[in-house]
Protein backbone atom coordinates (compact mmCIF):
# COMPACT_ATOMS: atom_id res chain seq x y z
CA MET A 1 -28.94 10.62 1.03
CA PRO A 2 -27.15 12.73 3.69
CA GLY A 3 -24.50 14.61 2.70
CA ARG A 4 -23.67 17.42 0.26
CA ILE A 5 -21.35 18.51 -2.11
CA ASP A 6 -19.74 22.12 -1.21
CA ASP A 7 -19.24 24.10 -4.22
CA SER A 8 -16.90 26.31 -2.67
CA ILE A 9 -14.05 23.75 -2.69
CA PRO A 10 -12.72 22.94 -5.83
CA PHE A 11 -13.10 19.43 -7.41
CA ARG A 12 -9.70 17.32 -7.31
CA PRO A 13 -9.38 14.63 -9.83
CA LEU A 14 -8.10 11.05 -8.26
CA ARG A 15 -5.69 9.08 -10.52
CA ILE A 16 -7.69 5.87 -10.17
CA ALA A 17 -6.47 2.10 -11.44
CA VAL A 18 -9.10 -0.48 -12.40
CA LEU A 19 -8.20 -3.92 -11.84
CA THR A 20 -10.72 -7.11 -13.09
CA VAL A 21 -9.94 -10.29 -11.46
CA SER A 22 -11.38 -12.94 -13.80
CA ASP A 23 -10.30 -16.55 -15.14
CA THR A 24 -12.70 -15.68 -18.42
CA ARG A 25 -13.05 -12.09 -19.05
CA ASP A 26 -10.70 -10.11 -21.68
CA ALA A 27 -10.70 -6.31 -22.79
CA THR A 28 -13.69 -7.28 -24.90
CA SER A 29 -15.97 -8.77 -22.26
CA ASP A 30 -15.18 -6.99 -19.22
CA ARG A 31 -18.39 -5.12 -18.55
CA SER A 32 -17.90 -4.21 -15.14
CA GLY A 33 -14.41 -2.98 -15.68
CA ASP A 34 -15.80 -0.88 -18.55
CA ILE A 35 -18.84 0.64 -16.07
CA LEU A 36 -15.87 1.79 -13.68
CA VAL A 37 -13.91 3.39 -16.32
CA GLU A 38 -16.91 5.25 -17.13
CA ARG A 39 -18.31 6.15 -14.02
CA LEU A 40 -14.99 7.49 -12.72
CA ARG A 41 -14.29 9.65 -16.09
CA GLY A 42 -17.80 10.65 -15.90
CA ALA A 43 -17.16 11.95 -12.54
CA GLY A 44 -14.06 13.86 -13.53
CA HIS A 45 -11.31 11.52 -12.08
CA VAL A 46 -8.51 10.21 -14.49
CA LEU A 47 -8.37 6.41 -15.60
CA ALA A 48 -4.23 5.85 -14.09
CA ASP A 49 -4.27 2.20 -15.50
CA ARG A 50 -6.29 -0.57 -16.00
CA ALA A 51 -5.65 -4.58 -16.07
CA ILE A 52 -7.13 -8.21 -15.99
CA VAL A 53 -5.57 -10.47 -13.44
CA ARG A 54 -6.71 -14.39 -13.22
CA ASP A 55 -8.18 -15.40 -9.68
CA GLU A 56 -4.91 -16.17 -7.88
CA VAL A 57 -3.83 -14.53 -4.89
CA GLU A 58 -0.62 -13.91 -5.82
CA GLU A 59 -1.57 -12.39 -9.12
CA ILE A 60 -3.66 -9.85 -7.57
CA ALA A 61 -1.72 -9.21 -4.44
CA ALA A 62 1.65 -8.41 -7.19
CA ARG A 63 -0.75 -6.10 -9.49
CA LEU A 64 -1.92 -4.21 -6.03
CA ARG A 65 1.52 -3.88 -4.40
CA ALA A 66 2.73 -2.60 -7.88
CA TRP A 67 -0.14 0.16 -8.41
CA ALA A 68 0.23 0.98 -4.67
CA GLU A 69 3.81 1.72 -5.05
CA ASP A 70 3.35 3.93 -8.22
CA PRO A 71 2.99 7.55 -7.06
CA GLU A 72 0.63 7.98 -9.93
CA ILE A 73 -2.10 5.96 -8.60
CA GLU A 74 -3.97 7.04 -5.69
CA VAL A 75 -6.71 4.97 -5.74
CA VAL A 76 -7.44 0.95 -6.95
CA LEU A 77 -10.91 -0.43 -7.96
CA THR A 78 -10.95 -4.09 -8.46
CA THR A 79 -14.09 -5.95 -9.71
CA GLY A 80 -14.37 -9.99 -9.17
CA GLY A 81 -13.29 -12.89 -6.79
CA THR A 82 -15.32 -11.22 -3.90
CA GLY A 83 -17.77 -14.18 -3.36
CA VAL A 84 -17.38 -17.68 -1.73
CA THR A 85 -16.63 -20.09 -4.52
CA GLY A 86 -13.12 -21.52 -4.38
CA ARG A 87 -11.83 -19.35 -6.97
CA ASP A 88 -12.78 -16.11 -5.53
CA VAL A 89 -9.61 -15.06 -3.75
CA THR A 90 -9.54 -11.15 -3.88
CA PRO A 91 -10.22 -10.74 -0.39
CA GLU A 92 -7.66 -13.24 0.43
CA ALA A 93 -5.14 -10.86 -1.74
CA LEU A 94 -6.36 -8.02 -0.19
CA ALA A 95 -5.53 -9.40 3.41
CA GLN A 96 -1.83 -10.15 2.43
CA VAL A 97 -1.04 -6.56 1.26
CA VAL A 98 -3.14 -4.36 3.19
CA GLU A 99 -1.72 -1.70 5.82
CA LYS A 100 -5.48 -0.73 7.11
CA ARG A 101 -8.83 -2.38 6.64
CA ILE A 102 -11.55 -0.17 5.77
CA PRO A 103 -14.02 -2.47 7.12
CA GLY A 104 -17.18 0.00 6.68
CA PHE A 105 -17.01 -0.26 2.98
CA GLY A 106 -17.85 -3.66 2.80
CA GLU A 107 -20.85 -3.15 5.47
CA LEU A 108 -22.41 -0.18 3.68
CA PHE A 109 -22.06 -1.88 0.27
CA ARG A 110 -24.00 -5.01 1.63
CA TRP A 111 -26.53 -2.68 3.02
CA LEU A 112 -27.12 -0.76 -0.10
CA SER A 113 -27.25 -3.96 -2.05
CA TYR A 114 -29.53 -5.46 0.37
CA ALA A 115 -32.22 -2.87 -1.16
CA LYS A 116 -31.53 -4.27 -4.48
CA ILE A 117 -31.13 -8.02 -4.28
CA GLY A 118 -32.14 -8.92 -0.76
CA THR A 119 -30.30 -11.52 1.34
CA SER A 120 -28.06 -12.93 -1.87
CA THR A 121 -25.78 -9.89 -0.63
CA ILE A 122 -24.47 -11.91 2.03
CA GLN A 123 -22.40 -13.84 -0.28
CA SER A 124 -20.32 -10.62 -1.35
CA ARG A 125 -17.28 -10.10 0.68
CA ALA A 126 -16.53 -6.54 -0.83
CA ASP A 127 -13.72 -5.21 1.02
CA ALA A 128 -11.41 -2.13 1.39
CA GLY A 129 -8.19 -0.96 3.05
CA VAL A 130 -4.88 1.10 2.46
CA LEU A 131 -1.59 0.33 1.02
CA GLU A 132 1.19 2.75 1.13
CA GLY A 133 -1.09 5.54 0.88
CA THR A 134 -3.41 4.30 -1.78
CA TYR A 135 -7.05 3.34 -1.43
CA ILE A 136 -7.85 -0.37 -2.50
CA PHE A 137 -11.59 -0.92 -3.11
CA CYS A 138 -12.52 -4.61 -3.90
CA LEU A 139 -16.21 -4.60 -5.42
CA PRO A 140 -17.96 -7.69 -6.65
CA GLY A 141 -17.86 -8.85 -10.33
CA SER A 142 -21.14 -7.75 -11.40
CA PRO A 143 -21.98 -4.82 -13.63
CA GLY A 144 -24.93 -4.11 -11.23
CA ALA A 145 -22.78 -4.31 -8.28
CA CYS A 146 -20.19 -1.68 -9.48
CA ARG A 147 -22.82 0.84 -10.44
CA ASP A 148 -24.24 0.40 -6.80
CA ALA A 149 -20.92 0.53 -5.36
CA TRP A 150 -19.88 3.75 -7.30
CA ASP A 151 -22.87 5.55 -6.84
CA GLY A 152 -23.83 4.76 -3.47
CA ILE A 153 -20.67 5.29 -2.28
CA LEU A 154 -17.38 5.90 -3.94
CA ALA A 155 -18.70 8.97 -6.09
CA THR A 156 -19.26 10.77 -3.19
CA GLN A 157 -16.10 9.47 -0.89
CA LEU A 158 -13.56 10.05 -3.76
CA ASP A 159 -15.10 13.78 -4.18
CA ILE A 160 -12.99 16.14 -2.06
CA ARG A 161 -15.85 18.55 -2.21
CA TYR A 162 -18.33 15.85 -0.28
CA ARG A 163 -19.20 16.87 3.24
CA PRO A 164 -19.43 16.23 6.12
CA CYS A 165 -16.02 14.32 4.78
CA ASN A 166 -14.79 11.74 2.55
CA PHE A 167 -11.70 9.65 1.71
CA ALA A 168 -10.19 12.27 -0.93
CA GLU A 169 -9.50 14.94 1.97
CA MET A 170 -7.57 12.35 3.80
CA MET A 171 -5.17 11.38 1.35
CA PRO A 172 -2.36 13.76 2.33
CA ARG A 173 -2.31 11.84 5.91
CA LEU A 174 -2.74 8.23 4.66
CA ARG A 175 1.29 7.74 5.34
CA GLU A 176 1.97 10.21 8.34
CA HIS A 177 2.84 7.31 10.26
CA GLU A 178 5.66 6.59 7.99
CA SER A 179 7.23 9.41 9.63
CA ARG A 180 7.62 8.37 13.07
CA GLY A 181 10.61 6.61 14.12
């Protein structure tokens, strides 16, 4: 993989919340959420909060807004609700609240996923954006997809030491547009 970790830069743990979107999962059956928590903690980040909400646009959007307003949360990872069925509405909730989209995240996720599941990756609507200076990454609900997204994208992009650039180092500038009058 191109890029590298610059060990001369000190690691900065991020405060990350994990949101599982599901009508059927609970705390005992949320394998995808568990994988994300394991991965983020294993990388040295802090679990800031964790929740499960139903596949309802308003519930998802409300949780995203609340976490974006919380100064203790810098990143939100959602899992679930990114498919194409009638109950999959996470991208619609993100669209209601996001200030800036990050289309490259979904594009790169599907490119990485294609190597593992072939054309089935086209069914994923993985997405990302920024809300009030908080990154939001919407991942599919399968444990494999969560592993792939973390290992193939998020582990490096949320590490301030990753070069040539990363999302973590841009965090202080995410709200600079708000100072304009």
